[in-house]
N, C-alpha and C. Protein backbone atom coordinates (compact mmCIF):
# COMPACT_ATOMS: atom_id res chain seq x y z
N MET A 1 28.82 -63.19 1.91
CA MET A 1 28.61 -62.05 1.07
C MET A 1 28.11 -60.88 1.90
N SER A 2 28.61 -59.78 1.55
CA SER A 2 28.14 -58.58 2.26
C SER A 2 27.03 -57.93 1.47
N GLU A 3 26.05 -57.53 2.21
CA GLU A 3 24.92 -56.88 1.54
C GLU A 3 25.14 -55.38 1.52
N THR A 4 24.91 -54.82 0.39
CA THR A 4 25.01 -53.35 0.29
C THR A 4 23.63 -52.77 0.52
N PRO A 5 23.56 -51.71 1.28
CA PRO A 5 22.24 -51.11 1.53
C PRO A 5 21.64 -50.55 0.25
N ASP A 6 20.36 -50.66 0.19
CA ASP A 6 19.61 -50.11 -0.94
C ASP A 6 19.74 -48.59 -0.94
N ALA A 7 19.82 -48.02 -2.09
CA ALA A 7 19.90 -46.56 -2.17
C ALA A 7 18.60 -45.92 -1.68
N SER A 8 17.49 -46.65 -1.81
CA SER A 8 16.21 -46.10 -1.38
C SER A 8 16.05 -46.13 0.13
N SER A 9 16.82 -46.94 0.84
CA SER A 9 16.66 -47.05 2.28
C SER A 9 17.57 -46.09 3.06
N THR A 10 18.52 -45.47 2.41
CA THR A 10 19.39 -44.53 3.12
C THR A 10 18.72 -43.16 3.16
N PRO A 11 18.75 -42.51 4.31
CA PRO A 11 18.12 -41.19 4.41
C PRO A 11 18.91 -40.15 3.61
N ARG A 12 18.17 -39.28 2.95
CA ARG A 12 18.80 -38.21 2.18
C ARG A 12 18.78 -36.94 3.00
N ALA A 13 19.82 -36.19 2.90
CA ALA A 13 19.87 -34.90 3.60
C ALA A 13 19.04 -33.88 2.82
N TRP A 14 18.42 -32.98 3.56
CA TRP A 14 17.64 -31.93 2.90
C TRP A 14 18.59 -30.93 2.26
N SER A 15 18.20 -30.46 1.11
CA SER A 15 19.03 -29.46 0.46
C SER A 15 18.88 -28.13 1.20
N PRO A 16 19.90 -27.29 1.20
CA PRO A 16 19.81 -25.99 1.89
C PRO A 16 18.67 -25.11 1.36
N ALA A 17 18.41 -25.17 0.07
CA ALA A 17 17.33 -24.35 -0.51
C ALA A 17 15.97 -24.79 0.03
N LEU A 18 15.75 -26.10 0.12
CA LEU A 18 14.49 -26.61 0.64
C LEU A 18 14.34 -26.25 2.12
N THR A 19 15.40 -26.37 2.87
CA THR A 19 15.37 -26.03 4.29
C THR A 19 15.05 -24.55 4.48
N LEU A 20 15.71 -23.67 3.75
CA LEU A 20 15.45 -22.23 3.86
C LEU A 20 14.03 -21.88 3.44
N THR A 21 13.53 -22.55 2.42
CA THR A 21 12.16 -22.30 1.96
C THR A 21 11.16 -22.70 3.03
N LEU A 22 11.33 -23.86 3.62
CA LEU A 22 10.41 -24.31 4.67
C LEU A 22 10.48 -23.41 5.90
N VAL A 23 11.67 -23.01 6.31
CA VAL A 23 11.81 -22.11 7.46
C VAL A 23 11.15 -20.77 7.15
N GLY A 24 11.35 -20.25 5.95
CA GLY A 24 10.71 -18.99 5.55
C GLY A 24 9.20 -19.08 5.55
N LEU A 25 8.66 -20.18 5.05
CA LEU A 25 7.20 -20.36 5.06
C LEU A 25 6.65 -20.41 6.47
N VAL A 26 7.33 -21.13 7.35
CA VAL A 26 6.87 -21.22 8.74
C VAL A 26 6.91 -19.84 9.39
N LEU A 27 8.01 -19.11 9.19
CA LEU A 27 8.13 -17.78 9.79
C LEU A 27 7.10 -16.80 9.23
N ALA A 28 6.71 -16.97 7.99
CA ALA A 28 5.71 -16.07 7.39
C ALA A 28 4.29 -16.48 7.76
N LEU A 29 4.02 -17.76 7.84
CA LEU A 29 2.65 -18.23 8.07
C LEU A 29 2.21 -18.20 9.52
N VAL A 30 3.10 -18.45 10.45
CA VAL A 30 2.70 -18.53 11.86
C VAL A 30 2.07 -17.22 12.33
N PRO A 31 2.66 -16.05 12.10
CA PRO A 31 1.99 -14.82 12.55
C PRO A 31 0.63 -14.60 11.88
N TRP A 32 0.51 -14.93 10.60
CA TRP A 32 -0.77 -14.73 9.91
C TRP A 32 -1.83 -15.69 10.44
N ILE A 33 -1.44 -16.93 10.71
CA ILE A 33 -2.40 -17.89 11.27
C ILE A 33 -2.85 -17.41 12.65
N PHE A 34 -1.91 -16.92 13.44
CA PHE A 34 -2.26 -16.38 14.76
C PHE A 34 -3.21 -15.19 14.61
N LYS A 35 -2.91 -14.29 13.67
CA LYS A 35 -3.75 -13.11 13.45
C LYS A 35 -5.17 -13.51 13.05
N LEU A 36 -5.29 -14.46 12.15
CA LEU A 36 -6.61 -14.84 11.64
C LEU A 36 -7.43 -15.68 12.62
N THR A 37 -6.76 -16.38 13.53
CA THR A 37 -7.51 -17.25 14.43
C THR A 37 -7.66 -16.71 15.85
N MET A 38 -6.71 -15.92 16.33
CA MET A 38 -6.72 -15.50 17.73
C MET A 38 -7.04 -14.02 17.93
N ALA A 39 -6.92 -13.19 16.93
CA ALA A 39 -7.12 -11.75 17.08
C ALA A 39 -8.61 -11.43 17.18
N PRO A 40 -8.95 -10.25 17.72
CA PRO A 40 -10.36 -9.86 17.82
C PRO A 40 -11.01 -9.76 16.44
N GLY A 41 -12.29 -10.10 16.37
CA GLY A 41 -13.04 -10.02 15.12
C GLY A 41 -13.53 -8.61 14.85
N LEU A 42 -14.13 -8.41 13.68
CA LEU A 42 -14.63 -7.10 13.30
C LEU A 42 -15.70 -6.64 14.29
N GLY A 43 -15.58 -5.39 14.72
CA GLY A 43 -16.52 -4.81 15.67
C GLY A 43 -16.17 -5.04 17.12
N GLU A 44 -15.22 -5.93 17.39
CA GLU A 44 -14.83 -6.22 18.77
C GLU A 44 -13.78 -5.23 19.26
N PRO A 45 -13.69 -5.02 20.57
CA PRO A 45 -12.64 -4.15 21.12
C PRO A 45 -11.26 -4.73 20.81
N CYS A 46 -10.28 -3.84 20.63
CA CYS A 46 -8.94 -4.28 20.26
C CYS A 46 -7.89 -3.38 20.90
N GLY A 47 -6.63 -3.72 20.67
CA GLY A 47 -5.52 -2.92 21.16
C GLY A 47 -5.29 -1.75 20.22
N LYS A 48 -4.24 -1.84 19.42
CA LYS A 48 -3.94 -0.79 18.45
C LYS A 48 -3.36 -1.42 17.20
N GLY A 49 -3.40 -0.68 16.11
CA GLY A 49 -2.74 -1.09 14.89
C GLY A 49 -3.51 -2.11 14.09
N PHE A 50 -2.85 -3.22 13.79
CA PHE A 50 -3.38 -4.22 12.87
C PHE A 50 -3.80 -5.50 13.57
N ASP A 51 -4.10 -5.45 14.87
CA ASP A 51 -4.38 -6.68 15.60
C ASP A 51 -5.84 -7.12 15.51
N CYS A 52 -6.36 -7.20 14.30
CA CYS A 52 -7.73 -7.67 14.07
C CYS A 52 -7.68 -8.92 13.20
N ALA A 53 -8.73 -9.74 13.28
CA ALA A 53 -8.73 -11.03 12.61
C ALA A 53 -8.80 -10.94 11.09
N ALA A 54 -9.35 -9.89 10.53
CA ALA A 54 -9.44 -9.77 9.07
C ALA A 54 -8.07 -9.43 8.48
N LEU A 55 -7.81 -9.91 7.27
CA LEU A 55 -6.53 -9.59 6.63
C LEU A 55 -6.34 -8.09 6.47
N ASP A 56 -7.41 -7.39 6.12
CA ASP A 56 -7.32 -5.94 5.95
C ASP A 56 -7.89 -5.21 7.17
N GLY A 57 -7.91 -5.88 8.31
CA GLY A 57 -8.47 -5.30 9.53
C GLY A 57 -7.56 -4.27 10.15
N ARG A 58 -8.16 -3.26 10.76
CA ARG A 58 -7.43 -2.21 11.46
C ARG A 58 -8.13 -1.93 12.77
N CYS A 59 -7.38 -1.51 13.74
CA CYS A 59 -7.93 -1.11 15.03
C CYS A 59 -7.98 0.42 15.03
N VAL A 60 -9.17 0.99 15.09
CA VAL A 60 -9.32 2.44 15.08
C VAL A 60 -10.04 2.89 16.35
N GLN A 61 -9.88 4.16 16.68
CA GLN A 61 -10.49 4.71 17.88
C GLN A 61 -11.94 5.06 17.62
N GLY A 62 -12.82 4.58 18.49
CA GLY A 62 -14.24 4.90 18.41
C GLY A 62 -14.66 5.70 19.63
N ALA A 63 -15.92 6.07 19.70
CA ALA A 63 -16.43 6.86 20.82
C ALA A 63 -16.32 6.08 22.13
N GLU A 64 -16.43 4.76 22.07
CA GLU A 64 -16.39 3.93 23.28
C GLU A 64 -15.10 3.13 23.39
N GLY A 65 -14.06 3.56 22.71
CA GLY A 65 -12.78 2.87 22.76
C GLY A 65 -12.42 2.30 21.40
N PRO A 66 -11.22 1.71 21.29
CA PRO A 66 -10.79 1.17 20.00
C PRO A 66 -11.58 -0.09 19.62
N TYR A 67 -11.83 -0.24 18.33
CA TYR A 67 -12.56 -1.41 17.82
C TYR A 67 -11.97 -1.83 16.49
N CYS A 68 -12.22 -3.09 16.12
CA CYS A 68 -11.73 -3.63 14.86
C CYS A 68 -12.68 -3.27 13.73
N THR A 69 -12.11 -2.85 12.63
CA THR A 69 -12.87 -2.59 11.42
C THR A 69 -12.00 -2.99 10.24
N ARG A 70 -12.45 -2.73 9.04
CA ARG A 70 -11.65 -3.07 7.86
C ARG A 70 -11.58 -1.88 6.93
N SER A 71 -10.56 -1.86 6.10
CA SER A 71 -10.44 -0.78 5.13
C SER A 71 -11.45 -1.02 4.00
N CYS A 72 -11.86 0.06 3.36
CA CYS A 72 -12.87 -0.04 2.31
C CYS A 72 -12.66 1.08 1.29
N GLU A 73 -13.33 0.95 0.17
CA GLU A 73 -13.33 1.99 -0.86
C GLU A 73 -14.73 2.49 -1.15
N SER A 74 -15.75 1.71 -0.77
CA SER A 74 -17.13 2.13 -1.00
C SER A 74 -18.03 1.56 0.09
N ASP A 75 -19.23 2.11 0.20
CA ASP A 75 -20.19 1.64 1.20
C ASP A 75 -20.58 0.18 0.98
N ALA A 76 -20.51 -0.29 -0.26
CA ALA A 76 -20.90 -1.67 -0.56
C ALA A 76 -19.99 -2.69 0.12
N GLN A 77 -18.78 -2.30 0.48
CA GLN A 77 -17.84 -3.21 1.13
C GLN A 77 -18.06 -3.30 2.64
N CYS A 78 -18.96 -2.49 3.17
CA CYS A 78 -19.20 -2.44 4.62
C CYS A 78 -20.53 -3.11 4.95
N PRO A 79 -20.71 -3.53 6.21
CA PRO A 79 -22.00 -4.07 6.62
C PRO A 79 -23.11 -3.04 6.42
N SER A 80 -24.33 -3.51 6.31
CA SER A 80 -25.45 -2.60 6.03
C SER A 80 -25.66 -1.57 7.14
N SER A 81 -25.16 -1.84 8.34
CA SER A 81 -25.34 -0.90 9.44
C SER A 81 -24.26 0.18 9.50
N GLY A 82 -23.38 0.23 8.51
CA GLY A 82 -22.29 1.20 8.53
C GLY A 82 -22.04 1.83 7.18
N HIS A 83 -20.99 2.63 7.11
CA HIS A 83 -20.62 3.29 5.86
C HIS A 83 -19.09 3.34 5.76
N CYS A 84 -18.59 3.62 4.57
CA CYS A 84 -17.15 3.72 4.34
C CYS A 84 -16.76 5.18 4.55
N GLY A 85 -15.87 5.43 5.48
CA GLY A 85 -15.48 6.81 5.76
C GLY A 85 -14.34 6.89 6.75
N VAL A 86 -14.27 8.02 7.44
CA VAL A 86 -13.22 8.28 8.42
C VAL A 86 -13.84 8.23 9.81
N PRO A 87 -13.27 7.46 10.73
CA PRO A 87 -13.80 7.43 12.10
C PRO A 87 -13.63 8.81 12.75
N VAL A 88 -14.73 9.46 13.11
CA VAL A 88 -14.67 10.83 13.62
C VAL A 88 -14.06 10.90 15.02
N ASP A 89 -13.98 9.80 15.74
CA ASP A 89 -13.42 9.82 17.09
C ASP A 89 -11.94 9.48 17.12
N ASP A 90 -11.33 9.27 15.98
CA ASP A 90 -9.92 8.92 15.92
C ASP A 90 -9.13 10.13 15.43
N PRO A 91 -8.42 10.85 16.31
CA PRO A 91 -7.74 12.08 15.90
C PRO A 91 -6.67 11.85 14.83
N TRP A 92 -5.98 10.72 14.88
CA TRP A 92 -4.96 10.46 13.86
C TRP A 92 -5.59 10.23 12.49
N MET A 93 -6.69 9.50 12.45
CA MET A 93 -7.37 9.28 11.17
C MET A 93 -7.88 10.59 10.60
N LEU A 94 -8.42 11.46 11.46
CA LEU A 94 -8.89 12.76 10.98
C LEU A 94 -7.74 13.59 10.46
N TRP A 95 -6.61 13.53 11.13
CA TRP A 95 -5.45 14.32 10.72
C TRP A 95 -4.97 13.90 9.34
N PHE A 96 -4.91 12.59 9.10
CA PHE A 96 -4.42 12.10 7.82
C PHE A 96 -5.50 12.05 6.74
N SER A 97 -6.75 12.30 7.08
CA SER A 97 -7.84 12.13 6.12
C SER A 97 -7.77 13.12 4.96
N ALA A 98 -7.04 14.21 5.10
CA ALA A 98 -6.92 15.16 4.00
C ALA A 98 -6.11 14.59 2.84
N SER A 99 -5.28 13.61 3.11
CA SER A 99 -4.44 13.02 2.08
C SER A 99 -5.26 12.11 1.18
N GLU A 100 -4.99 12.16 -0.10
CA GLU A 100 -5.65 11.26 -1.05
C GLU A 100 -5.25 9.81 -0.80
N MET A 101 -4.09 9.61 -0.19
CA MET A 101 -3.61 8.26 0.06
C MET A 101 -4.13 7.70 1.38
N SER A 102 -4.90 8.49 2.10
CA SER A 102 -5.44 8.05 3.38
C SER A 102 -6.48 6.95 3.17
N GLU A 103 -6.44 5.96 4.05
CA GLU A 103 -7.41 4.87 3.96
C GLU A 103 -8.75 5.29 4.52
N ARG A 104 -9.79 4.67 4.02
CA ARG A 104 -11.13 4.82 4.56
C ARG A 104 -11.50 3.50 5.21
N PHE A 105 -12.37 3.55 6.21
CA PHE A 105 -12.71 2.37 6.98
C PHE A 105 -14.21 2.23 7.10
N CYS A 106 -14.65 1.01 7.36
CA CYS A 106 -16.07 0.77 7.65
C CYS A 106 -16.35 1.33 9.04
N VAL A 107 -17.23 2.32 9.09
CA VAL A 107 -17.57 3.01 10.33
C VAL A 107 -19.01 2.66 10.66
N PRO A 108 -19.30 2.27 11.92
CA PRO A 108 -20.69 1.94 12.26
C PRO A 108 -21.58 3.17 12.22
N GLY A 109 -22.84 2.93 11.92
CA GLY A 109 -23.82 4.01 11.91
C GLY A 109 -23.98 4.64 10.54
N PRO A 110 -24.98 5.53 10.42
CA PRO A 110 -25.22 6.18 9.13
C PRO A 110 -24.13 7.20 8.81
N ARG A 111 -24.01 7.49 7.53
CA ARG A 111 -23.03 8.50 7.09
C ARG A 111 -23.46 9.87 7.61
N PRO A 112 -22.53 10.63 8.21
CA PRO A 112 -22.90 11.97 8.70
C PRO A 112 -23.23 12.90 7.55
N GLU A 113 -24.15 13.84 7.80
CA GLU A 113 -24.53 14.79 6.76
C GLU A 113 -23.34 15.66 6.36
N GLN A 114 -22.57 16.07 7.34
CA GLN A 114 -21.37 16.87 7.09
C GLN A 114 -20.16 15.96 7.30
N PRO A 115 -19.36 15.71 6.25
CA PRO A 115 -18.20 14.84 6.45
C PRO A 115 -17.21 15.46 7.43
N PRO A 116 -16.50 14.63 8.19
CA PRO A 116 -15.53 15.18 9.14
C PRO A 116 -14.41 15.91 8.42
N GLU A 117 -13.98 17.02 8.99
CA GLU A 117 -12.90 17.80 8.38
C GLU A 117 -11.57 17.36 8.96
N ALA A 118 -10.56 17.42 8.13
CA ALA A 118 -9.21 17.09 8.59
C ALA A 118 -8.76 18.17 9.57
N THR A 119 -8.15 17.74 10.64
CA THR A 119 -7.65 18.69 11.63
C THR A 119 -6.24 19.10 11.27
N SER A 120 -5.80 20.24 11.80
CA SER A 120 -4.46 20.71 11.49
C SER A 120 -3.40 19.85 12.18
N ARG A 121 -3.74 19.29 13.33
CA ARG A 121 -2.86 18.34 14.00
C ARG A 121 -3.72 17.49 14.93
N PRO A 122 -3.26 16.31 15.27
CA PRO A 122 -4.11 15.37 15.99
C PRO A 122 -4.21 15.61 17.49
N GLY A 123 -4.25 16.83 17.93
CA GLY A 123 -4.37 17.11 19.36
C GLY A 123 -3.08 16.80 20.08
N GLU A 124 -3.19 16.27 21.25
CA GLU A 124 -1.99 15.99 22.04
C GLU A 124 -1.38 14.63 21.69
N ALA A 125 -2.06 13.84 20.88
CA ALA A 125 -1.50 12.54 20.52
C ALA A 125 -0.21 12.74 19.75
N GLY A 126 0.84 12.09 20.16
CA GLY A 126 2.12 12.17 19.47
C GLY A 126 2.91 13.42 19.77
N ALA A 127 2.57 14.16 20.83
CA ALA A 127 3.26 15.41 21.13
C ALA A 127 4.75 15.18 21.35
N GLN A 128 5.12 14.02 21.85
CA GLN A 128 6.53 13.76 22.11
C GLN A 128 7.35 13.70 20.82
N PHE A 129 6.70 13.56 19.67
CA PHE A 129 7.43 13.48 18.41
C PHE A 129 7.54 14.83 17.71
N ARG A 130 6.87 15.84 18.23
CA ARG A 130 6.94 17.16 17.60
C ARG A 130 8.09 17.95 18.19
N PRO A 131 8.65 18.90 17.43
CA PRO A 131 9.72 19.74 17.96
C PRO A 131 9.21 20.56 19.14
N PRO A 132 10.10 20.95 20.06
CA PRO A 132 9.68 21.69 21.26
C PRO A 132 8.90 22.95 20.95
N GLU A 133 9.25 23.67 19.89
CA GLU A 133 8.54 24.92 19.60
C GLU A 133 7.08 24.66 19.21
N GLN A 134 6.79 23.47 18.66
CA GLN A 134 5.41 23.13 18.33
C GLN A 134 4.66 22.61 19.55
N ARG A 135 5.39 22.14 20.54
CA ARG A 135 4.76 21.65 21.76
C ARG A 135 4.48 22.78 22.74
N GLY A 136 5.02 23.99 22.46
CA GLY A 136 4.83 25.12 23.35
C GLY A 136 5.73 25.07 24.56
N GLU A 137 6.85 24.36 24.46
CA GLU A 137 7.74 24.24 25.60
C GLU A 137 8.80 25.33 25.64
N LEU A 138 8.99 26.05 24.55
CA LEU A 138 10.01 27.09 24.53
C LEU A 138 9.38 28.44 24.83
N GLY A 139 10.12 29.26 25.54
CA GLY A 139 9.64 30.61 25.83
C GLY A 139 9.70 31.48 24.60
N GLY A 140 9.19 32.69 24.70
CA GLY A 140 9.18 33.61 23.57
C GLY A 140 10.51 34.25 23.29
N ASP A 141 11.53 34.00 24.12
CA ASP A 141 12.81 34.66 23.92
C ASP A 141 13.67 33.98 22.87
N GLY A 142 13.28 32.80 22.41
CA GLY A 142 14.01 32.12 21.34
C GLY A 142 15.26 31.41 21.82
N GLN A 143 15.55 31.40 23.11
CA GLN A 143 16.72 30.70 23.63
C GLN A 143 16.40 29.24 23.87
N ARG A 144 17.42 28.42 23.74
CA ARG A 144 17.24 27.00 23.98
C ARG A 144 18.02 26.56 25.16
């Protein structure tokens, strides 16, 4: 007599939907796990952008270089040694601070008596993205 294999002992192929779901989860979770475990913590020096360990962490320019902080809406969300506001040493943050949609961040130290004013442009940062006439590269004759 020939024995037929049990249906429970034969390996089943994974469905395409399950495979795509698992691959998607791995691709989405690996960067976040890396960010939360390996990136600099709040208050530590950092590179640029979002490379801080907190989910809402941002790297902003400070007086002594870039540091990790987090976005906030009120002083209560920040450590007791800081306040919720605009980092005064970050020209891009000052430039965008006039917008109602601009984020505020936990900034170390007491709140300044006079809030920082938005600048008309962020200095020389990003000059390569401005048109030549705004960079001062064109002469007064209007020729290109």
